[in-house]
Amino acid sequence: MLMLHPINQSRNEKSQKFMDKREGSYLVITNRSPTKWDIADQEEPDEVLEIYYSSALRAYELPISRDSGTVAPLLRRGRPRKFSVNSSP
């Protein structure tokens, strides 16, 4: 997964909210230096998309399917109930 830090340039009138996000799995073609990597798309592995720094790269994790069965329980909002020592919950 790639995480880009778009630059807000007032002359282009672009903000981070409206910039395209490059997400998904990509192929690492070559390691240019300890901090630079050539990245390509999986459909076209011969074409280099861009050169990315290692700080912008993250390990890609497959999305969890909705039918996986592992669902986190909902948390109750607010302060928890107060129980006295003599009463049972």
N, C-alpha and C. Protein backbone atom coordinates (compact mmCIF):
# COMPACT_ATOMS: atom_id res chain seq x y z
N MET A 1 0.84 -1.15 0.00
CA MET A 1 0.00 0.00 0.00
C MET A 1 0.89 1.22 0.00
N LEU A 2 0.49 2.21 -0.74
CA LEU A 2 1.27 3.43 -0.82
C LEU A 2 0.54 4.54 -0.09
N MET A 3 1.29 5.33 0.61
CA MET A 3 0.72 6.47 1.29
C MET A 3 1.45 7.71 0.78
N LEU A 4 0.72 8.56 0.10
CA LEU A 4 1.32 9.75 -0.49
C LEU A 4 0.98 10.96 0.37
N HIS A 5 1.86 11.92 0.37
CA HIS A 5 1.66 13.17 1.07
C HIS A 5 1.55 14.27 0.03
N PRO A 6 0.33 14.53 -0.48
CA PRO A 6 0.20 15.56 -1.50
C PRO A 6 0.47 16.94 -0.93
N ILE A 7 1.04 17.79 -1.77
CA ILE A 7 1.40 19.14 -1.37
C ILE A 7 0.26 20.08 -1.78
N ASN A 8 -0.16 20.89 -0.87
CA ASN A 8 -1.21 21.86 -1.15
C ASN A 8 -0.56 23.07 -1.80
N GLN A 9 -0.87 23.29 -3.06
CA GLN A 9 -0.33 24.43 -3.79
C GLN A 9 -1.49 25.35 -4.13
N SER A 10 -1.44 26.54 -3.62
CA SER A 10 -2.57 27.45 -3.82
C SER A 10 -2.73 27.85 -5.29
N ARG A 11 -1.64 27.85 -6.04
CA ARG A 11 -1.77 28.23 -7.45
C ARG A 11 -2.50 27.16 -8.25
N ASN A 12 -2.41 25.89 -7.82
CA ASN A 12 -3.14 24.81 -8.49
C ASN A 12 -4.53 24.61 -7.91
N GLU A 13 -4.80 25.25 -6.78
CA GLU A 13 -6.07 25.14 -6.08
C GLU A 13 -6.44 23.69 -5.80
N LYS A 14 -5.47 22.91 -5.36
CA LYS A 14 -5.70 21.51 -5.01
C LYS A 14 -5.46 21.35 -3.52
N SER A 15 -6.32 20.63 -2.88
CA SER A 15 -6.10 20.33 -1.47
C SER A 15 -5.98 18.82 -1.31
N GLN A 16 -5.50 18.42 -0.17
CA GLN A 16 -5.26 17.00 0.08
C GLN A 16 -6.57 16.21 0.01
N LYS A 17 -7.66 16.81 0.37
CA LYS A 17 -8.94 16.13 0.40
C LYS A 17 -9.37 15.68 -1.00
N PHE A 18 -9.03 16.45 -2.03
CA PHE A 18 -9.48 16.16 -3.38
C PHE A 18 -8.43 15.47 -4.25
N MET A 19 -7.26 15.21 -3.71
CA MET A 19 -6.21 14.56 -4.48
C MET A 19 -6.51 13.07 -4.63
N ASP A 20 -6.05 12.49 -5.72
CA ASP A 20 -6.21 11.05 -5.93
C ASP A 20 -5.34 10.30 -4.95
N LYS A 21 -5.83 9.16 -4.49
CA LYS A 21 -5.06 8.32 -3.59
C LYS A 21 -4.61 7.09 -4.37
N ARG A 22 -3.38 6.74 -4.21
CA ARG A 22 -2.85 5.56 -4.87
C ARG A 22 -2.79 4.46 -3.82
N GLU A 23 -3.77 3.57 -3.86
CA GLU A 23 -3.83 2.50 -2.89
C GLU A 23 -3.89 1.17 -3.63
N GLY A 24 -3.49 0.14 -2.94
CA GLY A 24 -3.56 -1.20 -3.50
C GLY A 24 -2.20 -1.84 -3.53
N SER A 25 -2.17 -3.02 -4.08
CA SER A 25 -0.90 -3.74 -4.13
C SER A 25 -0.15 -3.36 -5.40
N TYR A 26 1.15 -3.16 -5.27
CA TYR A 26 2.00 -2.80 -6.38
C TYR A 26 3.27 -3.63 -6.33
N LEU A 27 3.94 -3.72 -7.45
CA LEU A 27 5.18 -4.48 -7.53
C LEU A 27 6.37 -3.56 -7.34
N VAL A 28 7.32 -4.02 -6.57
CA VAL A 28 8.57 -3.29 -6.41
C VAL A 28 9.52 -3.82 -7.47
N ILE A 29 9.93 -2.96 -8.39
CA ILE A 29 10.78 -3.39 -9.50
C ILE A 29 12.24 -3.41 -9.08
N THR A 30 12.77 -2.27 -8.69
CA THR A 30 14.18 -2.20 -8.30
C THR A 30 14.34 -1.35 -7.06
N ASN A 31 15.42 -1.57 -6.38
CA ASN A 31 15.79 -0.77 -5.23
C ASN A 31 16.92 0.15 -5.68
N ARG A 32 16.61 1.42 -5.89
CA ARG A 32 17.61 2.36 -6.40
C ARG A 32 18.63 2.73 -5.34
N SER A 33 18.19 2.85 -4.10
CA SER A 33 19.07 3.17 -2.98
C SER A 33 18.39 2.60 -1.73
N PRO A 34 18.99 2.75 -0.57
CA PRO A 34 18.31 2.25 0.62
C PRO A 34 16.97 2.93 0.92
N THR A 35 16.73 4.08 0.30
CA THR A 35 15.49 4.80 0.57
C THR A 35 14.58 4.96 -0.64
N LYS A 36 15.01 4.63 -1.85
CA LYS A 36 14.21 4.82 -3.06
C LYS A 36 13.87 3.48 -3.70
N TRP A 37 12.60 3.38 -4.18
CA TRP A 37 12.13 2.15 -4.81
C TRP A 37 11.38 2.51 -6.10
N ASP A 38 11.54 1.69 -7.15
CA ASP A 38 10.74 1.81 -8.36
C ASP A 38 9.50 0.95 -8.19
N ILE A 39 8.32 1.53 -8.44
CA ILE A 39 7.06 0.84 -8.24
C ILE A 39 6.35 0.71 -9.58
N ALA A 40 5.74 -0.49 -9.82
CA ALA A 40 4.98 -0.73 -11.04
C ALA A 40 3.62 -1.31 -10.67
N ASP A 41 2.67 -1.17 -11.58
CA ASP A 41 1.34 -1.73 -11.39
C ASP A 41 1.38 -3.22 -11.68
N GLN A 42 0.48 -4.00 -11.08
CA GLN A 42 0.49 -5.44 -11.29
C GLN A 42 0.06 -5.83 -12.69
N GLU A 43 -0.83 -5.05 -13.32
CA GLU A 43 -1.27 -5.36 -14.68
C GLU A 43 -0.18 -5.07 -15.71
N GLU A 44 0.64 -4.06 -15.47
CA GLU A 44 1.72 -3.68 -16.38
C GLU A 44 3.04 -3.66 -15.62
N PRO A 45 3.65 -4.83 -15.39
CA PRO A 45 4.87 -4.86 -14.57
C PRO A 45 6.10 -4.28 -15.27
N ASP A 46 6.03 -4.07 -16.59
CA ASP A 46 7.19 -3.53 -17.31
C ASP A 46 7.29 -2.01 -17.21
N GLU A 47 6.18 -1.34 -16.92
CA GLU A 47 6.17 0.12 -16.84
C GLU A 47 6.36 0.57 -15.39
N VAL A 48 7.33 1.43 -15.17
CA VAL A 48 7.56 1.99 -13.84
C VAL A 48 6.62 3.17 -13.65
N LEU A 49 5.81 3.14 -12.58
CA LEU A 49 4.89 4.25 -12.31
C LEU A 49 5.65 5.47 -11.82
N GLU A 50 6.34 5.31 -10.70
CA GLU A 50 7.11 6.40 -10.11
C GLU A 50 8.17 5.83 -9.21
N ILE A 51 9.00 6.73 -8.70
CA ILE A 51 10.00 6.37 -7.70
C ILE A 51 9.46 6.84 -6.36
N TYR A 52 9.40 5.93 -5.39
CA TYR A 52 8.87 6.26 -4.07
C TYR A 52 9.94 6.07 -3.01
N TYR A 53 9.84 6.88 -1.97
CA TYR A 53 10.72 6.74 -0.83
C TYR A 53 10.15 5.68 0.11
N SER A 54 11.03 5.08 0.89
CA SER A 54 10.59 4.01 1.78
C SER A 54 9.62 4.51 2.85
N SER A 55 9.65 5.79 3.18
CA SER A 55 8.71 6.31 4.17
C SER A 55 7.28 6.35 3.64
N ALA A 56 7.09 6.36 2.31
CA ALA A 56 5.75 6.38 1.73
C ALA A 56 5.19 4.99 1.50
N LEU A 57 6.00 3.95 1.64
CA LEU A 57 5.55 2.59 1.38
C LEU A 57 5.10 1.92 2.67
N ARG A 58 4.01 1.18 2.58
CA ARG A 58 3.50 0.40 3.70
C ARG A 58 3.25 -1.02 3.21
N ALA A 59 3.27 -1.96 4.13
CA ALA A 59 2.97 -3.35 3.78
C ALA A 59 1.50 -3.45 3.40
N TYR A 60 1.22 -4.15 2.31
CA TYR A 60 -0.15 -4.29 1.83
C TYR A 60 -0.83 -5.44 2.57
N GLU A 61 -2.00 -5.18 3.12
CA GLU A 61 -2.79 -6.20 3.78
C GLU A 61 -4.08 -6.38 3.01
N LEU A 62 -4.45 -7.64 2.77
CA LEU A 62 -5.69 -7.91 2.06
C LEU A 62 -6.87 -7.47 2.91
N PRO A 63 -7.90 -6.91 2.28
CA PRO A 63 -9.06 -6.48 3.06
C PRO A 63 -9.80 -7.68 3.64
N ILE A 64 -10.36 -7.52 4.82
CA ILE A 64 -11.11 -8.59 5.47
C ILE A 64 -12.48 -8.65 4.83
N SER A 65 -12.89 -9.86 4.43
CA SER A 65 -14.20 -10.01 3.80
C SER A 65 -15.29 -9.86 4.86
N ARG A 66 -16.47 -9.48 4.44
CA ARG A 66 -17.57 -9.25 5.37
C ARG A 66 -18.08 -10.55 5.99
N ASP A 67 -17.87 -11.68 5.32
CA ASP A 67 -18.37 -12.95 5.82
C ASP A 67 -17.31 -13.73 6.58
N SER A 68 -16.30 -13.06 7.09
CA SER A 68 -15.22 -13.77 7.77
C SER A 68 -15.62 -14.24 9.15
N GLY A 69 -16.63 -13.64 9.75
CA GLY A 69 -17.10 -14.08 11.05
C GLY A 69 -16.41 -13.41 12.22
N THR A 70 -15.32 -12.71 12.00
CA THR A 70 -14.64 -12.02 13.10
C THR A 70 -15.12 -10.58 13.14
N VAL A 71 -16.02 -10.30 14.03
CA VAL A 71 -16.60 -8.97 14.15
C VAL A 71 -16.32 -8.46 15.55
N ALA A 72 -15.88 -7.24 15.65
CA ALA A 72 -15.62 -6.63 16.95
C ALA A 72 -16.94 -6.24 17.59
N PRO A 73 -17.11 -6.48 18.88
CA PRO A 73 -18.37 -6.11 19.54
C PRO A 73 -18.50 -4.60 19.64
N LEU A 74 -19.74 -4.14 19.64
CA LEU A 74 -20.00 -2.71 19.77
C LEU A 74 -19.72 -2.27 21.20
N LEU A 75 -19.12 -1.12 21.33
CA LEU A 75 -18.82 -0.57 22.64
C LEU A 75 -19.98 0.30 23.10
N ARG A 76 -20.32 0.17 24.36
CA ARG A 76 -21.38 1.02 24.91
C ARG A 76 -20.81 2.40 25.22
N ARG A 77 -21.59 3.40 24.91
CA ARG A 77 -21.14 4.76 25.14
C ARG A 77 -21.50 5.21 26.54
N GLY A 78 -20.76 6.13 27.05
CA GLY A 78 -21.05 6.72 28.34
C GLY A 78 -20.32 6.04 29.48
N ARG A 79 -20.64 6.48 30.65
CA ARG A 79 -19.99 5.97 31.86
C ARG A 79 -20.56 4.59 32.20
N PRO A 80 -19.70 3.63 32.61
CA PRO A 80 -20.21 2.31 32.97
C PRO A 80 -21.04 2.37 34.25
N ARG A 81 -21.93 1.40 34.40
CA ARG A 81 -22.79 1.36 35.58
C ARG A 81 -21.98 1.14 36.84
N LYS A 82 -22.50 1.70 37.92
CA LYS A 82 -21.82 1.58 39.20
C LYS A 82 -22.48 0.45 40.00
N PHE A 83 -21.69 -0.54 40.36
CA PHE A 83 -22.19 -1.66 41.15
C PHE A 83 -21.68 -1.53 42.57
N SER A 84 -22.56 -1.82 43.51
CA SER A 84 -22.13 -1.81 44.91
C SER A 84 -21.49 -3.15 45.25
N VAL A 85 -20.76 -3.24 46.32
CA VAL A 85 -20.02 -4.43 46.70
C VAL A 85 -20.96 -5.58 47.05
N ASN A 86 -22.11 -5.29 47.67
CA ASN A 86 -23.03 -6.33 48.14
C ASN A 86 -23.94 -6.86 47.05
N SER A 87 -24.16 -6.15 45.99
CA SER A 87 -25.08 -6.60 44.94
C SER A 87 -24.33 -7.38 43.87
N SER A 88 -25.05 -8.26 43.21
CA SER A 88 -24.45 -9.03 42.11
C SER A 88 -24.79 -8.35 40.80
N PRO A 89 -23.93 -8.43 39.80
CA PRO A 89 -24.18 -7.72 38.54
C PRO A 89 -25.25 -8.29 37.73
